PDB file of N, CA and C in Angstrom:
ATOM      1  N   UNK A   1      83.435 -32.729 -17.024  1.00  0.00           N
ATOM      2  CA  UNK A   1      83.077 -33.768 -16.593  1.00  0.00           C
ATOM      3  C   UNK A   1      81.331 -33.388 -16.281  1.00  0.00           C
ATOM      4  N   UNK A   2      80.029 -33.831 -16.565  1.00  0.00           N
ATOM      5  CA  UNK A   2      79.500 -33.938 -16.180  1.00  0.00           C
ATOM      6  C   UNK A   2      78.648 -34.576 -15.279  1.00  0.00           C
ATOM      7  N   UNK A   3      78.623 -33.865 -13.800  1.00  0.00           N
ATOM      8  CA  UNK A   3      77.718 -34.487 -13.178  1.00  0.00           C
ATOM      9  C   UNK A   3      76.583 -34.580 -13.290  1.00  0.00           C
ATOM     10  N   UNK A   4      75.608 -35.650 -12.679  1.00  0.00           N
ATOM     11  CA  UNK A   4      74.110 -36.087 -12.496  1.00  0.00           C
ATOM     12  C   UNK A   4      73.665 -35.039 -10.953  1.00  0.00           C
ATOM     13  N   UNK A   5      72.780 -34.519 -11.897  1.00  0.00           N
ATOM     14  CA  UNK A   5      71.999 -34.153 -10.556  1.00  0.00           C
ATOM     15  C   UNK A   5      71.332 -34.794  -9.363  1.00  0.00           C
ATOM     16  N   UNK A   6      70.740 -36.132  -9.613  1.00  0.00           N
ATOM     17  CA  UNK A   6      70.642 -37.502  -8.393  1.00  0.00           C
ATOM     18  C   UNK A   6      71.223 -38.743  -8.787  1.00  0.00           C
ATOM     19  N   UNK A   7      71.490 -39.036  -8.363  1.00  0.00           N
ATOM     20  CA  UNK A   7      71.050 -41.046  -8.302  1.00  0.00           C
ATOM     21  C   UNK A   7      70.037 -41.500  -9.396  1.00  0.00           C
ATOM     22  N   UNK A   8      69.059 -41.000  -9.503  1.00  0.00           N
ATOM     23  CA  UNK A   8      68.590 -41.538 -10.215  1.00  0.00           C
ATOM     24  C   UNK A   8      68.969 -41.496 -12.163  1.00  0.00           C
ATOM     25  N   UNK A   9      69.403 -39.299 -12.496  1.00  0.00           N
ATOM     26  CA  UNK A   9      69.546 -39.786 -13.394  1.00  0.00           C
ATOM     27  C   UNK A   9      71.143 -40.143 -14.487  1.00  0.00           C
ATOM     28  N   UNK A  10      72.326 -40.146 -12.941  1.00  0.00           N
ATOM     29  CA  UNK A  10      73.256 -41.650 -13.147  1.00  0.00           C
ATOM     30  C   UNK A  10      72.618 -42.864 -13.061  1.00  0.00           C
ATOM     31  N   UNK A  11      72.261 -43.831 -11.903  1.00  0.00           N
ATOM     32  CA  UNK A  11      71.892 -44.498 -12.977  1.00  0.00           C
ATOM     33  C   UNK A  11      70.328 -45.330 -14.838  1.00  0.00           C
ATOM     34  N   UNK A  12      70.442 -44.098 -15.014  1.00  0.00           N
ATOM     35  CA  UNK A  12      69.717 -44.071 -15.838  1.00  0.00           C
ATOM     36  C   UNK A  12      70.474 -43.934 -16.962  1.00  0.00           C
ATOM     37  N   UNK A  13      71.626 -42.494 -17.241  1.00  0.00           N
ATOM     38  CA  UNK A  13      72.787 -42.455 -18.030  1.00  0.00           C
ATOM     39  C   UNK A  13      73.677 -43.889 -18.473  1.00  0.00           C
ATOM     40  N   UNK A  14      73.256 -44.666 -16.489  1.00  0.00           N
ATOM     41  CA  UNK A  14      74.623 -45.650 -16.642  1.00  0.00           C
ATOM     42  C   UNK A  14      73.304 -46.733 -18.073  1.00  0.00           C
ATOM     43  N   UNK A  15      72.598 -47.457 -17.535  1.00  0.00           N
ATOM     44  CA  UNK A  15      72.169 -48.246 -17.817  1.00  0.00           C
ATOM     45  C   UNK A  15      71.995 -47.856 -19.707  1.00  0.00           C
ATOM     46  N   UNK A  16      71.705 -46.727 -20.526  1.00  0.00           N
ATOM     47  CA  UNK A  16      70.992 -46.284 -21.783  1.00  0.00           C
ATOM     48  C   UNK A  16      72.530 -46.509 -22.712  1.00  0.00           C
ATOM     49  N   UNK A  17      73.909 -46.608 -21.393  1.00  0.00           N
ATOM     50  CA  UNK A  17      74.772 -46.147 -21.889  1.00  0.00           C
ATOM     51  C   UNK A  17      75.394 -48.095 -21.806  1.00  0.00           C
ATOM     52  N   UNK A  18      75.612 -48.900 -21.280  1.00  0.00           N
ATOM     53  CA  UNK A  18      74.740 -50.879 -21.424  1.00  0.00           C
ATOM     54  C   UNK A  18      74.471 -50.716 -22.833  1.00  0.00           C
ATOM     55  N   UNK A  19      73.394 -50.563 -22.634  1.00  0.00           N
ATOM     56  CA  UNK A  19      72.407 -50.535 -23.745  1.00  0.00           C
ATOM     57  C   UNK A  19      72.955 -50.292 -25.292  1.00  0.00           C
ATOM     58  N   UNK A  20      73.067 -48.500 -24.559  1.00  0.00           N
ATOM     59  CA  UNK A  20      73.799 -48.415 -26.614  1.00  0.00           C
ATOM     60  C   UNK A  20      75.129 -48.950 -26.782  1.00  0.00           C
ATOM     61  N   UNK A  21      76.672 -49.339 -25.513  1.00  0.00           N
ATOM     62  CA  UNK A  21      77.112 -49.968 -26.054  1.00  0.00           C
ATOM     63  C   UNK A  21      77.146 -51.394 -26.626  1.00  0.00           C
ATOM     64  N   UNK A  22      76.582 -52.590 -26.914  1.00  0.00           N
ATOM     65  CA  UNK A  22      75.470 -53.933 -26.665  1.00  0.00           C
ATOM     66  C   UNK A  22      74.792 -53.783 -28.106  1.00  0.00           C
ATOM     67  N   UNK A  23      74.354 -52.419 -27.883  1.00  0.00           N
ATOM     68  CA  UNK A  23      73.417 -52.194 -30.285  1.00  0.00           C
ATOM     69  C   UNK A  23      75.060 -51.484 -30.826  1.00  0.00           C
ATOM     70  N   UNK A  24      75.657 -51.229 -30.419  1.00  0.00           N
ATOM     71  CA  UNK A  24      77.643 -50.791 -30.948  1.00  0.00           C
ATOM     72  C   UNK A  24      77.684 -52.179 -31.402  1.00  0.00           C
ATOM     73  N   UNK A  25      77.675 -53.310 -30.908  1.00  0.00           N
ATOM     74  CA  UNK A  25      78.338 -53.381 -31.900  1.00  0.00           C
ATOM     75  C   UNK A  25      77.426 -55.449 -32.446  1.00  0.00           C
ATOM     76  N   UNK A  26      76.315 -54.663 -32.027  1.00  0.00           N
ATOM     77  CA  UNK A  26      75.302 -55.155 -32.726  1.00  0.00           C
ATOM     78  C   UNK A  26      75.067 -56.220 -32.171  1.00  0.00           C
ATOM     79  N   UNK A  27      75.254 -56.897 -31.061  1.00  0.00           N
ATOM     80  CA  UNK A  27      74.620 -58.681 -30.510  1.00  0.00           C
ATOM     81  C   UNK A  27      73.073 -57.970 -29.720  1.00  0.00           C
ATOM     82  N   UNK A  28      72.972 -59.301 -29.076  1.00  0.00           N
ATOM     83  CA  UNK A  28      72.096 -59.412 -29.141  1.00  0.00           C
ATOM     84  C   UNK A  28      72.154 -59.573 -27.032  1.00  0.00           C
ATOM     85  N   UNK A  29      70.513 -58.963 -26.644  1.00  0.00           N
ATOM     86  CA  UNK A  29      70.949 -58.815 -24.771  1.00  0.00           C
ATOM     87  C   UNK A  29      71.079 -60.628 -24.498  1.00  0.00           C
ATOM     88  N   UNK A  30      70.600 -61.683 -25.904  1.00  0.00           N
ATOM     89  CA  UNK A  30      70.939 -63.306 -25.294  1.00  0.00           C
ATOM     90  C   UNK A  30      71.670 -63.388 -25.510  1.00  0.00           C
ATOM     91  N   UNK A  31      72.748 -62.981 -26.220  1.00  0.00           N
ATOM     92  CA  UNK A  31      74.373 -63.026 -26.521  1.00  0.00           C
ATOM     93  C   UNK A  31      74.102 -62.813 -25.338  1.00  0.00           C
ATOM     94  N   UNK A  32      75.098 -60.700 -25.211  1.00  0.00           N
ATOM     95  CA  UNK A  32      75.452 -60.182 -23.998  1.00  0.00           C
ATOM     96  C   UNK A  32      75.621 -61.250 -22.463  1.00  0.00           C
ATOM     97  N   UNK A  33      73.421 -61.815 -22.279  1.00  0.00           N
ATOM     98  CA  UNK A  33      74.073 -62.403 -21.396  1.00  0.00           C
ATOM     99  C   UNK A  33      74.586 -63.855 -21.091  1.00  0.00           C
ATOM    100  N   UNK A  34      74.179 -64.832 -22.211  1.00  0.00           N
ATOM    101  CA  UNK A  34      75.646 -66.075 -21.865  1.00  0.00           C
ATOM    102  C   UNK A  34      77.325 -64.892 -22.215  1.00  0.00           C
ATOM    103  N   UNK A  35      77.588 -64.282 -23.183  1.00  0.00           N
ATOM    104  CA  UNK A  35      78.915 -63.700 -22.269  1.00  0.00           C
ATOM    105  C   UNK A  35      79.590 -63.526 -21.033  1.00  0.00           C
ATOM    106  N   UNK A  36      78.073 -63.100 -20.344  1.00  0.00           N
ATOM    107  CA  UNK A  36      78.326 -62.308 -18.982  1.00  0.00           C
ATOM    108  C   UNK A  36      78.292 -63.766 -18.025  1.00  0.00           C
ATOM    109  N   UNK A  37      77.880 -64.601 -18.737  1.00  0.00           N
ATOM    110  CA  UNK A  37      77.141 -66.253 -17.836  1.00  0.00           C
ATOM    111  C   UNK A  37      76.067 -65.995 -16.555  1.00  0.00           C
ATOM    112  N   UNK A  38      75.181 -65.135 -17.159  1.00  0.00           N
ATOM    113  CA  UNK A  38      74.427 -64.612 -16.031  1.00  0.00           C
ATOM    114  C   UNK A  38      72.396 -65.768 -17.419  1.00  0.00           C
ATOM    115  N   UNK A  39      71.417 -65.510 -16.590  1.00  0.00           N
ATOM    116  CA  UNK A  39      70.482 -64.945 -17.592  1.00  0.00           C
ATOM    117  C   UNK A  39      69.226 -64.365 -18.065  1.00  0.00           C
ATOM    118  N   UNK A  40      68.766 -64.743 -19.454  1.00  0.00           N
ATOM    119  CA  UNK A  40      68.535 -63.109 -19.886  1.00  0.00           C
ATOM    120  C   UNK A  40      67.552 -62.796 -19.480  1.00  0.00           C
ATOM    121  N   UNK A  41      66.923 -62.747 -18.183  1.00  0.00           N
ATOM    122  CA  UNK A  41      65.777 -61.894 -17.643  1.00  0.00           C
ATOM    123  C   UNK A  41      66.718 -60.850 -16.342  1.00  0.00           C
ATOM    124  N   UNK A  42      67.994 -62.144 -16.284  1.00  0.00           N
ATOM    125  CA  UNK A  42      69.187 -61.047 -15.123  1.00  0.00           C
ATOM    126  C   UNK A  42      69.846 -59.403 -16.220  1.00  0.00           C
ATOM    127  N   UNK A  43      70.239 -59.834 -17.518  1.00  0.00           N
ATOM    128  CA  UNK A  43      70.027 -59.204 -17.968  1.00  0.00           C
ATOM    129  C   UNK A  43      69.293 -58.368 -18.626  1.00  0.00           C
ATOM    130  N   UNK A  44      67.754 -57.792 -19.424  1.00  0.00           N
ATOM    131  CA  UNK A  44      67.176 -57.622 -19.455  1.00  0.00           C
ATOM    132  C   UNK A  44      67.355 -56.768 -18.502  1.00  0.00           C
ATOM    133  N   UNK A  45      67.199 -56.770 -17.102  1.00  0.00           N
ATOM    134  CA  UNK A  45      66.727 -55.745 -15.971  1.00  0.00           C
ATOM    135  C   UNK A  45      68.219 -54.611 -15.707  1.00  0.00           C
ATOM    136  N   UNK A  46      68.902 -55.106 -15.890  1.00  0.00           N
ATOM    137  CA  UNK A  46      70.433 -53.722 -15.848  1.00  0.00           C
ATOM    138  C   UNK A  46      70.053 -52.808 -17.614  1.00  0.00           C
ATOM    139  N   UNK A  47      69.625 -53.306 -18.419  1.00  0.00           N
ATOM    140  CA  UNK A  47      69.016 -52.308 -18.944  1.00  0.00           C
ATOM    141  C   UNK A  47      68.664 -51.616 -18.627  1.00  0.00           C
ATOM    142  N   UNK A  48      66.988 -51.878 -18.491  1.00  0.00           N
ATOM    143  CA  UNK A  48      65.748 -51.144 -18.487  1.00  0.00           C
ATOM    144  C   UNK A  48      65.669 -51.175 -16.815  1.00  0.00           C
ATOM    145  N   UNK A  49      66.114 -51.518 -15.033  1.00  0.00           N
ATOM    146  CA  UNK A  49      65.186 -50.645 -14.660  1.00  0.00           C
ATOM    147  C   UNK A  49      66.155 -51.223 -13.563  1.00  0.00           C
ATOM    148  N   UNK A  50      67.625 -51.847 -12.636  1.00  0.00           N
ATOM    149  CA  UNK A  50      68.501 -51.985 -11.836  1.00  0.00           C
ATOM    150  C   UNK A  50      69.783 -51.304 -11.917  1.00  0.00           C
ATOM    151  N   UNK A  51      70.857 -51.223 -11.267  1.00  0.00           N
ATOM    152  CA  UNK A  51      72.493 -51.050 -12.378  1.00  0.00           C
ATOM    153  C   UNK A  51      73.401 -52.958 -11.941  1.00  0.00           C
ATOM    154  N   UNK A  52      73.998 -52.767 -12.254  1.00  0.00           N
ATOM    155  CA  UNK A  52      75.021 -53.959 -13.287  1.00  0.00           C
ATOM    156  C   UNK A  52      75.789 -53.983 -11.751  1.00  0.00           C
ATOM    157  N   UNK A  53      76.004 -55.206 -10.956  1.00  0.00           N
ATOM    158  CA  UNK A  53      77.032 -54.990 -10.394  1.00  0.00           C
ATOM    159  C   UNK A  53      78.424 -55.721 -10.459  1.00  0.00           C
ATOM    160  N   UNK A  54      79.472 -54.171 -10.041  1.00  0.00           N
ATOM    161  CA  UNK A  54      81.231 -53.739 -10.295  1.00  0.00           C
ATOM    162  C   UNK A  54      81.613 -55.703 -10.755  1.00  0.00           C
ATOM    163  N   UNK A  55      80.520 -56.698 -10.477  1.00  0.00           N
ATOM    164  CA  UNK A  55      82.000 -57.821 -10.898  1.00  0.00           C
ATOM    165  C   UNK A  55      80.679 -58.430 -12.594  1.00  0.00           C
ATOM    166  N   UNK A  56      80.156 -57.306 -12.357  1.00  0.00           N
ATOM    167  CA  UNK A  56      79.443 -57.544 -14.350  1.00  0.00           C
ATOM    168  C   UNK A  56      80.151 -56.856 -15.355  1.00  0.00           C
ATOM    169  N   UNK A  57      80.025 -55.548 -14.459  1.00  0.00           N
ATOM    170  CA  UNK A  57      80.152 -54.389 -15.693  1.00  0.00           C
ATOM    171  C   UNK A  57      81.999 -54.480 -15.600  1.00  0.00           C
ATOM    172  N   UNK A  58      82.716 -55.460 -14.594  1.00  0.00           N
ATOM    173  CA  UNK A  58      84.121 -55.367 -14.928  1.00  0.00           C
ATOM    174  C   UNK A  58      83.991 -56.111 -16.091  1.00  0.00           C
ATOM    175  N   UNK A  59      83.463 -57.288 -16.753  1.00  0.00           N
ATOM    176  CA  UNK A  59      83.718 -58.432 -17.388  1.00  0.00           C
ATOM    177  C   UNK A  59      83.149 -57.489 -18.479  1.00  0.00           C
ATOM    178  N   UNK A  60      81.744 -57.214 -18.650  1.00  0.00           N
ATOM    179  CA  UNK A  60      80.991 -56.408 -19.591  1.00  0.00           C
ATOM    180  C   UNK A  60      82.560 -55.507 -20.618  1.00  0.00           C
ATOM    181  N   UNK A  61      82.005 -54.661 -19.532  1.00  0.00           N
ATOM    182  CA  UNK A  61      84.132 -53.990 -20.188  1.00  0.00           C
ATOM    183  C   UNK A  61      84.888 -54.177 -21.172  1.00  0.00           C
ATOM    184  N   UNK A  62      85.493 -55.556 -20.788  1.00  0.00           N
ATOM    185  CA  UNK A  62      85.648 -55.961 -21.730  1.00  0.00           C
ATOM    186  C   UNK A  62      86.122 -57.087 -22.828  1.00  0.00           C
ATOM    187  N   UNK A  63      83.986 -56.800 -23.117  1.00  0.00           N
ATOM    188  CA  UNK A  63      83.101 -57.820 -24.067  1.00  0.00           C
ATOM    189  C   UNK A  63      83.614 -56.369 -25.179  1.00  0.00           C
ATOM    190  N   UNK A  64      83.138 -55.126 -23.789  1.00  0.00           N
ATOM    191  CA  UNK A  64      82.813 -53.937 -25.323  1.00  0.00           C
ATOM    192  C   UNK A  64      84.528 -52.967 -25.516  1.00  0.00           C
ATOM    193  N   UNK A  65      84.995 -53.687 -24.629  1.00  0.00           N
ATOM    194  CA  UNK A  65      86.385 -53.099 -25.348  1.00  0.00           C
ATOM    195  C   UNK A  65      86.624 -51.627 -25.359  1.00  0.00           C
ATOM    196  N   UNK A  66      85.775 -51.141 -23.340  1.00  0.00           N
ATOM    197  CA  UNK A  66      85.554 -49.665 -23.691  1.00  0.00           C
ATOM    198  C   UNK A  66      86.416 -49.835 -21.815  1.00  0.00           C
ATOM    199  N   UNK A  67      87.135 -48.437 -21.686  1.00  0.00           N
ATOM    200  CA  UNK A  67      87.549 -48.269 -20.102  1.00  0.00           C
ATOM    201  C   UNK A  67      86.626 -48.197 -19.190  1.00  0.00           C
ATOM    202  N   UNK A  68      87.296 -48.806 -17.758  1.00  0.00           N
ATOM    203  CA  UNK A  68      85.707 -49.215 -16.784  1.00  0.00           C
ATOM    204  C   UNK A  68      85.017 -47.535 -17.047  1.00  0.00           C
ATOM    205  N   UNK A  69      85.912 -46.529 -16.675  1.00  0.00           N
ATOM    206  CA  UNK A  69      85.902 -44.988 -17.259  1.00  0.00           C
ATOM    207  C   UNK A  69      84.619 -44.052 -17.836  1.00  0.00           C
ATOM    208  N   UNK A  70      84.745 -44.910 -18.852  1.00  0.00           N
ATOM    209  CA  UNK A  70      83.785 -44.389 -19.969  1.00  0.00           C
ATOM    210  C   UNK A  70      82.621 -45.042 -20.147  1.00  0.00           C
ATOM    211  N   UNK A  71      82.887 -46.792 -19.966  1.00  0.00           N
ATOM    212  CA  UNK A  71      81.496 -47.492 -18.717  1.00  0.00           C
ATOM    213  C   UNK A  71      80.735 -46.825 -17.959  1.00  0.00           C
ATOM    214  N   UNK A  72      81.378 -46.690 -17.512  1.00  0.00           N
ATOM    215  CA  UNK A  72      80.313 -45.736 -15.843  1.00  0.00           C
ATOM    216  C   UNK A  72      79.839 -44.271 -15.799  1.00  0.00           C
ATOM    217  N   UNK A  73      80.667 -44.016 -16.230  1.00  0.00           N
ATOM    218  CA  UNK A  73      80.793 -42.189 -16.163  1.00  0.00           C
ATOM    219  C   UNK A  73      80.782 -41.616 -17.613  1.00  0.00           C
ATOM    220  N   UNK A  74      80.185 -42.343 -18.856  1.00  0.00           N
ATOM    221  CA  UNK A  74      80.045 -41.667 -20.226  1.00  0.00           C
ATOM    222  C   UNK A  74      81.168 -41.183 -20.686  1.00  0.00           C
ATOM    223  N   UNK A  75      82.828 -41.173 -19.917  1.00  0.00           N
ATOM    224  CA  UNK A  75      83.845 -40.124 -20.496  1.00  0.00           C
ATOM    225  C   UNK A  75      85.190 -41.001 -20.252  1.00  0.00           C
ATOM    226  N   UNK A  76      86.066 -40.569 -21.358  1.00  0.00           N
ATOM    227  CA  UNK A  76      87.288 -40.975 -21.511  1.00  0.00           C
ATOM    228  C   UNK A  76      88.187 -40.264 -20.840  1.00  0.00           C
ATOM    229  N   UNK A  77      89.193 -41.587 -20.296  1.00  0.00           N
ATOM    230  CA  UNK A  77      90.087 -41.220 -19.591  1.00  0.00           C
ATOM    231  C   UNK A  77      90.686 -40.301 -20.266  1.00  0.00           C
ATOM    232  N   UNK A  78      91.314 -39.475 -19.718  1.00  0.00           N
ATOM    233  CA  UNK A  78      92.427 -37.657 -19.227  1.00  0.00           C
ATOM    234  C   UNK A  78      94.316 -38.107 -19.563  1.00  0.00           C
TER     235      UNK A  78
END
């Protein structure tokens, strides 16, 4: 399992994964924001500079049909 050298490295990888999962479904940021029940600007920051709070991560995970472990770490359950 990959370990992150720093909090910043983890955060960057997490934001990239959120974006990749959205794009793999062909969804716009606006669509995901609506599905999560938040405004677009708030969602945009979760892909660019801030970490999505856990209560939204769990909702996002259900939307993209991935495990929580994969969404957070990038690794599938064993």
